[in-house]
Amino acid sequence: MALAESIAFALFAMVTVGSAAGVVLVRDVWHSALLLGVSLISVAVFYVMNQAAFVATMQILVYVGGVLILITFAVMLTREDESVIEVTP
């Protein structure tokens, strides 16, 4: 059982570090927000592994459900429409 837990921890550690690095390195804001969601969900998995289900639930509800949705709305509302070509006379 300890071997399976160690493998799961290593897998989610790689996912967490990779997605956190992607948040910083990706140029597109939309992809960065999605990678932030992956990072926050994988942190919630660590809480579940430590038998802290309430903290994991709050992590998902507050951060993924609240903060990430707020970031998503901000990205969608502030993006410039690239298909509109402005013609000046």
C-alpha atoms as a PDB file:
ATOM      1  CA  MET A   1       0.000   0.000   0.000  1.00  0.00           C
ATOM      2  CA  ALA A   2       2.850   2.385   0.747  1.00  0.00           C
ATOM      3  CA  LEU A   3       4.308   1.861  -2.725  1.00  0.00           C
ATOM      4  CA  ALA A   4       1.020   2.835  -4.391  1.00  0.00           C
ATOM      5  CA  GLU A   5       0.781   5.955  -2.212  1.00  0.00           C
ATOM      6  CA  SER A   6       4.349   6.918  -3.073  1.00  0.00           C
ATOM      7  CA  ILE A   7       3.686   6.486  -6.785  1.00  0.00           C
ATOM      8  CA  ALA A   8       0.472   8.532  -6.558  1.00  0.00           C
ATOM      9  CA  PHE A   9       2.276  11.251  -4.606  1.00  0.00           C
ATOM     10  CA  ALA A  10       5.100  11.406  -7.156  1.00  0.00           C
ATOM     11  CA  LEU A  11       2.611  11.531 -10.037  1.00  0.00           C
ATOM     12  CA  PHE A  12       0.582  14.361  -8.544  1.00  0.00           C
ATOM     13  CA  ALA A  13       3.755  16.186  -7.481  1.00  0.00           C
ATOM     14  CA  MET A  14       4.896  16.188 -11.107  1.00  0.00           C
ATOM     15  CA  VAL A  15       1.449  17.372 -12.248  1.00  0.00           C
ATOM     16  CA  THR A  16       1.452  20.154  -9.649  1.00  0.00           C
ATOM     17  CA  VAL A  17       4.947  21.393 -10.441  1.00  0.00           C
ATOM     18  CA  GLY A  18       4.417  21.099 -14.200  1.00  0.00           C
ATOM     19  CA  SER A  19       1.139  22.977 -14.201  1.00  0.00           C
ATOM     20  CA  ALA A  20       2.483  25.648 -11.834  1.00  0.00           C
ATOM     21  CA  ALA A  21       5.444  26.173 -14.159  1.00  0.00           C
ATOM     22  CA  GLY A  22       3.025  26.309 -17.077  1.00  0.00           C
ATOM     23  CA  VAL A  23       1.036  29.081 -15.370  1.00  0.00           C
ATOM     24  CA  VAL A  24       4.135  31.245 -15.428  1.00  0.00           C
ATOM     25  CA  LEU A  25       5.604  30.189 -18.771  1.00  0.00           C
ATOM     26  CA  VAL A  26       2.541  30.035 -21.046  1.00  0.00           C
ATOM     27  CA  ARG A  27       1.934  33.231 -23.007  1.00  0.00           C
ATOM     28  CA  ASP A  28      -1.828  32.804 -23.457  1.00  0.00           C
ATOM     29  CA  VAL A  29      -3.811  34.022 -20.448  1.00  0.00           C
ATOM     30  CA  TRP A  30      -6.630  31.549 -21.044  1.00  0.00           C
ATOM     31  CA  HIS A  31      -4.275  28.552 -20.990  1.00  0.00           C
ATOM     32  CA  SER A  32      -2.566  29.973 -17.933  1.00  0.00           C
ATOM     33  CA  ALA A  33      -5.913  30.114 -16.097  1.00  0.00           C
ATOM     34  CA  LEU A  34      -6.669  26.515 -17.058  1.00  0.00           C
ATOM     35  CA  LEU A  35      -3.262  25.382 -15.825  1.00  0.00           C
ATOM     36  CA  LEU A  36      -3.908  27.216 -12.567  1.00  0.00           C
ATOM     37  CA  GLY A  37      -7.069  25.148 -12.185  1.00  0.00           C
ATOM     38  CA  VAL A  38      -5.110  21.939 -12.737  1.00  0.00           C
ATOM     39  CA  SER A  39      -2.563  23.036 -10.159  1.00  0.00           C
ATOM     40  CA  LEU A  40      -5.223  23.889  -7.569  1.00  0.00           C
ATOM     41  CA  ILE A  41      -7.069  20.599  -8.087  1.00  0.00           C
ATOM     42  CA  SER A  42      -3.854  18.603  -7.727  1.00  0.00           C
ATOM     43  CA  VAL A  43      -3.164  20.417  -4.447  1.00  0.00           C
ATOM     44  CA  ALA A  44      -6.615  19.284  -3.303  1.00  0.00           C
ATOM     45  CA  VAL A  45      -5.551  15.711  -4.094  1.00  0.00           C
ATOM     46  CA  PHE A  46      -2.657  16.133  -1.649  1.00  0.00           C
ATOM     47  CA  TYR A  47      -5.145  17.099   1.041  1.00  0.00           C
ATOM     48  CA  VAL A  48      -7.183  13.980   0.304  1.00  0.00           C
ATOM     49  CA  MET A  49      -4.025  11.877   0.546  1.00  0.00           C
ATOM     50  CA  ASN A  50      -3.418  13.347   4.014  1.00  0.00           C
ATOM     51  CA  GLN A  51      -7.001  12.508   5.028  1.00  0.00           C
ATOM     52  CA  ALA A  52      -8.086  16.143   5.219  1.00  0.00           C
ATOM     53  CA  ALA A  53     -11.261  15.865   3.180  1.00  0.00           C
ATOM     54  CA  PHE A  54     -12.800  19.086   4.514  1.00  0.00           C
ATOM     55  CA  VAL A  55      -9.759  21.149   3.540  1.00  0.00           C
ATOM     56  CA  ALA A  56      -9.743  19.503   0.103  1.00  0.00           C
ATOM     57  CA  THR A  57     -13.413  20.329  -0.348  1.00  0.00           C
ATOM     58  CA  MET A  58     -12.828  23.946   0.644  1.00  0.00           C
ATOM     59  CA  GLN A  59      -9.843  24.084  -1.719  1.00  0.00           C
ATOM     60  CA  ILE A  60     -12.037  23.022  -4.609  1.00  0.00           C
ATOM     61  CA  LEU A  61     -15.049  25.152  -3.670  1.00  0.00           C
ATOM     62  CA  VAL A  62     -13.237  28.366  -2.808  1.00  0.00           C
ATOM     63  CA  TYR A  63     -10.211  28.397  -5.083  1.00  0.00           C
ATOM     64  CA  VAL A  64     -11.268  26.376  -8.098  1.00  0.00           C
ATOM     65  CA  GLY A  65     -14.928  27.300  -7.881  1.00  0.00           C
ATOM     66  CA  GLY A  66     -14.529  30.921  -6.927  1.00  0.00           C
ATOM     67  CA  VAL A  67     -11.163  32.407  -7.754  1.00  0.00           C
ATOM     68  CA  LEU A  68     -10.652  30.505 -10.999  1.00  0.00           C
ATOM     69  CA  ILE A  69     -14.127  31.375 -12.260  1.00  0.00           C
ATOM     70  CA  LEU A  70     -13.457  35.028 -11.409  1.00  0.00           C
ATOM     71  CA  ILE A  71     -10.195  34.899 -13.380  1.00  0.00           C
ATOM     72  CA  THR A  72     -11.985  33.208 -16.274  1.00  0.00           C
ATOM     73  CA  PHE A  73     -14.659  35.911 -16.389  1.00  0.00           C
ATOM     74  CA  ALA A  74     -12.016  38.628 -16.211  1.00  0.00           C
ATOM     75  CA  VAL A  75     -10.107  37.065 -19.110  1.00  0.00           C
ATOM     76  CA  MET A  76     -13.246  36.693 -21.212  1.00  0.00           C
ATOM     77  CA  LEU A  77     -14.448  40.231 -20.525  1.00  0.00           C
ATOM     78  CA  THR A  78     -11.136  41.995 -21.113  1.00  0.00           C
ATOM     79  CA  ARG A  79      -9.914  40.199 -24.226  1.00  0.00           C
ATOM     80  CA  GLU A  80      -9.748  42.172 -27.439  1.00  0.00           C
ATOM     81  CA  ASP A  81     -11.646  40.779 -30.363  1.00  0.00           C
ATOM     82  CA  GLU A  82      -8.974  40.028 -32.936  1.00  0.00           C
ATOM     83  CA  SER A  83     -11.486  39.395 -35.713  1.00  0.00           C
ATOM     84  CA  VAL A  84     -12.635  43.025 -35.756  1.00  0.00           C
ATOM     85  CA  ILE A  85     -10.420  45.131 -37.991  1.00  0.00           C
ATOM     86  CA  GLU A  86     -10.528  48.808 -37.192  1.00  0.00           C
ATOM     87  CA  VAL A  87     -10.413  51.008 -40.273  1.00  0.00           C
ATOM     88  CA  THR A  88      -9.480  54.631 -39.777  1.00  0.00           C
ATOM     89  CA  PRO A  89     -10.463  57.161 -42.437  1.00  0.00           C
END
